[in-house]
Amino acid sequence: MPRRIAVVVFQLITLPMEFNASNRVLDAAALTYVAAAAASLLQLIDLVLRQRR
């Protein structure tokens, strides 16, 4: 029984750190979409500029 209590206490202590890590991972994933959108936009601009020549 004391071991289970220790596990629960440990999990409660580390829970905020886990949420923080999850948020950082989600932010990084969102930035990959932003980078992909920027790359697509630049490719479209390049294509339009090449068509005008």
PDB file of N, CA and C in Angstrom:
ATOM      1  N   MET A   1       0.805  -1.210   0.000  1.00  0.00           N
ATOM      2  CA  MET A   1       0.000   0.000   0.000  1.00  0.00           C
ATOM      3  C   MET A   1       0.850   1.278   0.000  1.00  0.00           C
ATOM      4  N   PRO A   2       1.887   1.397   0.812  1.00  0.00           N
ATOM      5  CA  PRO A   2       2.703   2.621   0.783  1.00  0.00           C
ATOM      6  C   PRO A   2       3.349   2.849  -0.581  1.00  0.00           C
ATOM      7  N   ARG A   3       3.667   1.759  -1.265  1.00  0.00           N
ATOM      8  CA  ARG A   3       4.285   1.901  -2.587  1.00  0.00           C
ATOM      9  C   ARG A   3       3.305   2.530  -3.572  1.00  0.00           C
ATOM     10  N   ARG A   4       2.061   2.116  -3.511  1.00  0.00           N
ATOM     11  CA  ARG A   4       1.048   2.694  -4.401  1.00  0.00           C
ATOM     12  C   ARG A   4       0.841   4.174  -4.104  1.00  0.00           C
ATOM     13  N   ILE A   5       0.869   4.522  -2.843  1.00  0.00           N
ATOM     14  CA  ILE A   5       0.737   5.932  -2.468  1.00  0.00           C
ATOM     15  C   ILE A   5       1.917   6.723  -3.018  1.00  0.00           C
ATOM     16  N   ALA A   6       3.109   6.159  -2.926  1.00  0.00           N
ATOM     17  CA  ALA A   6       4.303   6.832  -3.450  1.00  0.00           C
ATOM     18  C   ALA A   6       4.194   7.026  -4.958  1.00  0.00           C
ATOM     19  N   VAL A   7       3.672   6.039  -5.657  1.00  0.00           N
ATOM     20  CA  VAL A   7       3.511   6.144  -7.111  1.00  0.00           C
ATOM     21  C   VAL A   7       2.524   7.253  -7.457  1.00  0.00           C
ATOM     22  N   VAL A   8       1.411   7.305  -6.740  1.00  0.00           N
ATOM     23  CA  VAL A   8       0.406   8.342  -6.995  1.00  0.00           C
ATOM     24  C   VAL A   8       0.985   9.727  -6.720  1.00  0.00           C
ATOM     25  N   VAL A   9       1.705   9.878  -5.618  1.00  0.00           N
ATOM     26  CA  VAL A   9       2.316  11.164  -5.285  1.00  0.00           C
ATOM     27  C   VAL A   9       3.326  11.558  -6.357  1.00  0.00           C
ATOM     28  N   PHE A  10       4.141  10.613  -6.804  1.00  0.00           N
ATOM     29  CA  PHE A  10       5.124  10.894  -7.851  1.00  0.00           C
ATOM     30  C   PHE A  10       4.435  11.347  -9.130  1.00  0.00           C
ATOM     31  N   GLN A  11       3.363  10.666  -9.497  1.00  0.00           N
ATOM     32  CA  GLN A  11       2.642  11.034 -10.714  1.00  0.00           C
ATOM     33  C   GLN A  11       2.015  12.417 -10.594  1.00  0.00           C
ATOM     34  N   LEU A  12       1.489  12.741  -9.431  1.00  0.00           N
ATOM     35  CA  LEU A  12       0.907  14.065  -9.236  1.00  0.00           C
ATOM     36  C   LEU A  12       1.966  15.159  -9.290  1.00  0.00           C
ATOM     37  N   ILE A  13       3.160  14.859  -8.808  1.00  0.00           N
ATOM     38  CA  ILE A  13       4.243  15.841  -8.840  1.00  0.00           C
ATOM     39  C   ILE A  13       4.735  16.064 -10.266  1.00  0.00           C
ATOM     40  N   THR A  14       4.840  14.993 -11.044  1.00  0.00           N
ATOM     41  CA  THR A  14       5.386  15.113 -12.400  1.00  0.00           C
ATOM     42  C   THR A  14       4.340  15.499 -13.443  1.00  0.00           C
ATOM     43  N   LEU A  15       3.071  15.512 -13.083  1.00  0.00           N
ATOM     44  CA  LEU A  15       2.014  15.817 -14.048  1.00  0.00           C
ATOM     45  C   LEU A  15       2.179  17.186 -14.711  1.00  0.00           C
ATOM     46  N   PRO A  16       2.466  18.263 -13.984  1.00  0.00           N
ATOM     47  CA  PRO A  16       2.655  19.556 -14.664  1.00  0.00           C
ATOM     48  C   PRO A  16       3.805  19.536 -15.672  1.00  0.00           C
ATOM     49  N   MET A  17       4.868  18.811 -15.370  1.00  0.00           N
ATOM     50  CA  MET A  17       5.989  18.712 -16.312  1.00  0.00           C
ATOM     51  C   MET A  17       5.564  17.978 -17.577  1.00  0.00           C
ATOM     52  N   GLU A  18       4.724  16.968 -17.418  1.00  0.00           N
ATOM     53  CA  GLU A  18       4.236  16.220 -18.580  1.00  0.00           C
ATOM     54  C   GLU A  18       3.347  17.100 -19.453  1.00  0.00           C
ATOM     55  N   PHE A  19       2.489  17.892 -18.831  1.00  0.00           N
ATOM     56  CA  PHE A  19       1.654  18.808 -19.609  1.00  0.00           C
ATOM     57  C   PHE A  19       2.513  19.818 -20.351  1.00  0.00           C
ATOM     58  N   ASN A  20       3.546  20.320 -19.706  1.00  0.00           N
ATOM     59  CA  ASN A  20       4.444  21.282 -20.337  1.00  0.00           C
ATOM     60  C   ASN A  20       5.149  20.647 -21.534  1.00  0.00           C
ATOM     61  N   ALA A  21       5.618  19.414 -21.374  1.00  0.00           N
ATOM     62  CA  ALA A  21       6.290  18.714 -22.475  1.00  0.00           C
ATOM     63  C   ALA A  21       5.313  18.471 -23.624  1.00  0.00           C
ATOM     64  N   SER A  22       4.079  18.119 -23.291  1.00  0.00           N
ATOM     65  CA  SER A  22       3.074  17.884 -24.330  1.00  0.00           C
ATOM     66  C   SER A  22       2.809  19.159 -25.114  1.00  0.00           C
ATOM     67  N   ASN A  23       2.729  20.275 -24.417  1.00  0.00           N
ATOM     68  CA  ASN A  23       2.496  21.548 -25.104  1.00  0.00           C
ATOM     69  C   ASN A  23       3.648  21.898 -26.026  1.00  0.00           C
ATOM     70  N   ARG A  24       4.880  21.623 -25.593  1.00  0.00           N
ATOM     71  CA  ARG A  24       6.030  21.921 -26.454  1.00  0.00           C
ATOM     72  C   ARG A  24       6.004  21.060 -27.702  1.00  0.00           C
ATOM     73  N   VAL A  25       5.632  19.800 -27.555  1.00  0.00           N
ATOM     74  CA  VAL A  25       5.565  18.903 -28.716  1.00  0.00           C
ATOM     75  C   VAL A  25       4.477  19.368 -29.677  1.00  0.00           C
ATOM     76  N   LEU A  26       3.328  19.755 -29.147  1.00  0.00           N
ATOM     77  CA  LEU A  26       2.243  20.234 -30.010  1.00  0.00           C
ATOM     78  C   LEU A  26       2.621  21.536 -30.705  1.00  0.00           C
ATOM     79  N   ASP A  27       3.332  22.408 -30.004  1.00  0.00           N
ATOM     80  CA  ASP A  27       3.805  23.643 -30.643  1.00  0.00           C
ATOM     81  C   ASP A  27       4.764  23.332 -31.784  1.00  0.00           C
ATOM     82  N   ALA A  28       5.657  22.378 -31.566  1.00  0.00           N
ATOM     83  CA  ALA A  28       6.602  22.000 -32.621  1.00  0.00           C
ATOM     84  C   ALA A  28       5.861  21.399 -33.813  1.00  0.00           C
ATOM     85  N   ALA A  29       4.849  20.590 -33.545  1.00  0.00           N
ATOM     86  CA  ALA A  29       4.066  20.005 -34.634  1.00  0.00           C
ATOM     87  C   ALA A  29       3.334  21.092 -35.413  1.00  0.00           C
ATOM     88  N   ALA A  30       2.794  22.070 -34.712  1.00  0.00           N
ATOM     89  CA  ALA A  30       2.106  23.169 -35.391  1.00  0.00           C
ATOM     90  C   ALA A  30       3.077  23.960 -36.254  1.00  0.00           C
ATOM     91  N   LEU A  31       4.290  24.138 -35.777  1.00  0.00           N
ATOM     92  CA  LEU A  31       5.281  24.885 -36.560  1.00  0.00           C
ATOM     93  C   LEU A  31       5.659  24.154 -37.840  1.00  0.00           C
ATOM     94  N   THR A  32       5.577  22.825 -37.857  1.00  0.00           N
ATOM     95  CA  THR A  32       5.859  22.107 -39.102  1.00  0.00           C
ATOM     96  C   THR A  32       4.803  22.442 -40.154  1.00  0.00           C
ATOM     97  N   TYR A  33       3.546  22.613 -39.726  1.00  0.00           N
ATOM     98  CA  TYR A  33       2.495  23.002 -40.669  1.00  0.00           C
ATOM     99  C   TYR A  33       2.719  24.423 -41.176  1.00  0.00           C
ATOM    100  N   VAL A  34       3.166  25.306 -40.303  1.00  0.00           N
ATOM    101  CA  VAL A  34       3.457  26.679 -40.715  1.00  0.00           C
ATOM    102  C   VAL A  34       4.593  26.683 -41.730  1.00  0.00           C
ATOM    103  N   ALA A  35       5.630  25.898 -41.471  1.00  0.00           N
ATOM    104  CA  ALA A  35       6.762  25.824 -42.396  1.00  0.00           C
ATOM    105  C   ALA A  35       6.325  25.246 -43.741  1.00  0.00           C
ATOM    106  N   ALA A  36       5.479  24.230 -43.715  1.00  0.00           N
ATOM    107  CA  ALA A  36       4.996  23.637 -44.964  1.00  0.00           C
ATOM    108  C   ALA A  36       4.151  24.635 -45.752  1.00  0.00           C
ATOM    109  N   ALA A  37       3.321  25.391 -45.063  1.00  0.00           N
ATOM    110  CA  ALA A  37       2.505  26.401 -45.745  1.00  0.00           C
ATOM    111  C   ALA A  37       3.383  27.489 -46.347  1.00  0.00           C
ATOM    112  N   ALA A  38       4.410  27.908 -45.620  1.00  0.00           N
ATOM    113  CA  ALA A  38       5.327  28.932 -46.143  1.00  0.00           C
ATOM    114  C   ALA A  38       6.070  28.413 -47.366  1.00  0.00           C
ATOM    115  N   ALA A  39       6.508  27.159 -47.320  1.00  0.00           N
ATOM    116  CA  ALA A  39       7.212  26.577 -48.462  1.00  0.00           C
ATOM    117  C   ALA A  39       6.286  26.487 -49.672  1.00  0.00           C
ATOM    118  N   SER A  40       5.044  26.093 -49.455  1.00  0.00           N
ATOM    119  CA  SER A  40       4.086  26.016 -50.560  1.00  0.00           C
ATOM    120  C   SER A  40       3.821  27.387 -51.157  1.00  0.00           C
ATOM    121  N   LEU A  41       3.705  28.387 -50.303  1.00  0.00           N
ATOM    122  CA  LEU A  41       3.487  29.748 -50.788  1.00  0.00           C
ATOM    123  C   LEU A  41       4.673  30.233 -51.610  1.00  0.00           C
ATOM    124  N   LEU A  42       5.874  29.972 -51.148  1.00  0.00           N
ATOM    125  CA  LEU A  42       7.064  30.377 -51.905  1.00  0.00           C
ATOM    126  C   LEU A  42       7.158  29.646 -53.238  1.00  0.00           C
ATOM    127  N   GLN A  43       6.780  28.377 -53.267  1.00  0.00           N
ATOM    128  CA  GLN A  43       6.783  27.635 -54.525  1.00  0.00           C
ATOM    129  C   GLN A  43       5.753  28.206 -55.493  1.00  0.00           C
ATOM    130  N   LEU A  44       4.599  28.592 -54.974  1.00  0.00           N
ATOM    131  CA  LEU A  44       3.574  29.191 -55.821  1.00  0.00           C
ATOM    132  C   LEU A  44       4.046  30.526 -56.388  1.00  0.00           C
ATOM    133  N   ILE A  45       4.667  31.340 -55.560  1.00  0.00           N
ATOM    134  CA  ILE A  45       5.210  32.620 -56.032  1.00  0.00           C
ATOM    135  C   ILE A  45       6.265  32.384 -57.102  1.00  0.00           C
ATOM    136  N   ASP A  46       7.134  31.408 -56.889  1.00  0.00           N
ATOM    137  CA  ASP A  46       8.167  31.079 -57.873  1.00  0.00           C
ATOM    138  C   ASP A  46       7.533  30.642 -59.191  1.00  0.00           C
ATOM    139  N   LEU A  47       6.506  29.816 -59.113  1.00  0.00           N
ATOM    140  CA  LEU A  47       5.823  29.345 -60.316  1.00  0.00           C
ATOM    141  C   LEU A  47       5.184  30.506 -61.071  1.00  0.00           C
ATOM    142  N   VAL A  48       4.537  31.403 -60.358  1.00  0.00           N
ATOM    143  CA  VAL A  48       3.904  32.563 -61.001  1.00  0.00           C
ATOM    144  C   VAL A  48       4.953  33.445 -61.658  1.00  0.00           C
ATOM    145  N   LEU A  49       6.047  33.684 -60.973  1.00  0.00           N
ATOM    146  CA  LEU A  49       7.098  34.533 -61.537  1.00  0.00           C
ATOM    147  C   LEU A  49       7.740  33.888 -62.760  1.00  0.00           C
ATOM    148  N   ARG A  50       7.883  32.583 -62.766  1.00  0.00           N
ATOM    149  CA  ARG A  50       8.459  31.894 -63.930  1.00  0.00           C
ATOM    150  C   ARG A  50       7.512  31.945 -65.127  1.00  0.00           C
ATOM    151  N   GLN A  51       6.216  31.917 -64.876  1.00  0.00           N
ATOM    152  CA  GLN A  51       5.237  31.963 -65.962  1.00  0.00           C
ATOM    153  C   GLN A  51       5.217  33.330 -66.640  1.00  0.00           C
ATOM    154  N   ARG A  52       5.555  34.357 -65.912  1.00  0.00           N
ATOM    155  CA  ARG A  52       5.537  35.714 -66.467  1.00  0.00           C
ATOM    156  C   ARG A  52       6.707  35.972 -67.391  1.00  0.00           C
ATOM    157  N   ARG A  53       7.757  35.199 -67.304  1.00  0.00           N
ATOM    158  CA  ARG A  53       8.951  35.440 -68.136  1.00  0.00           C
ATOM    159  C   ARG A  53       8.731  34.987 -69.538  1.00  0.00           C
TER     160      ARG A  53
END
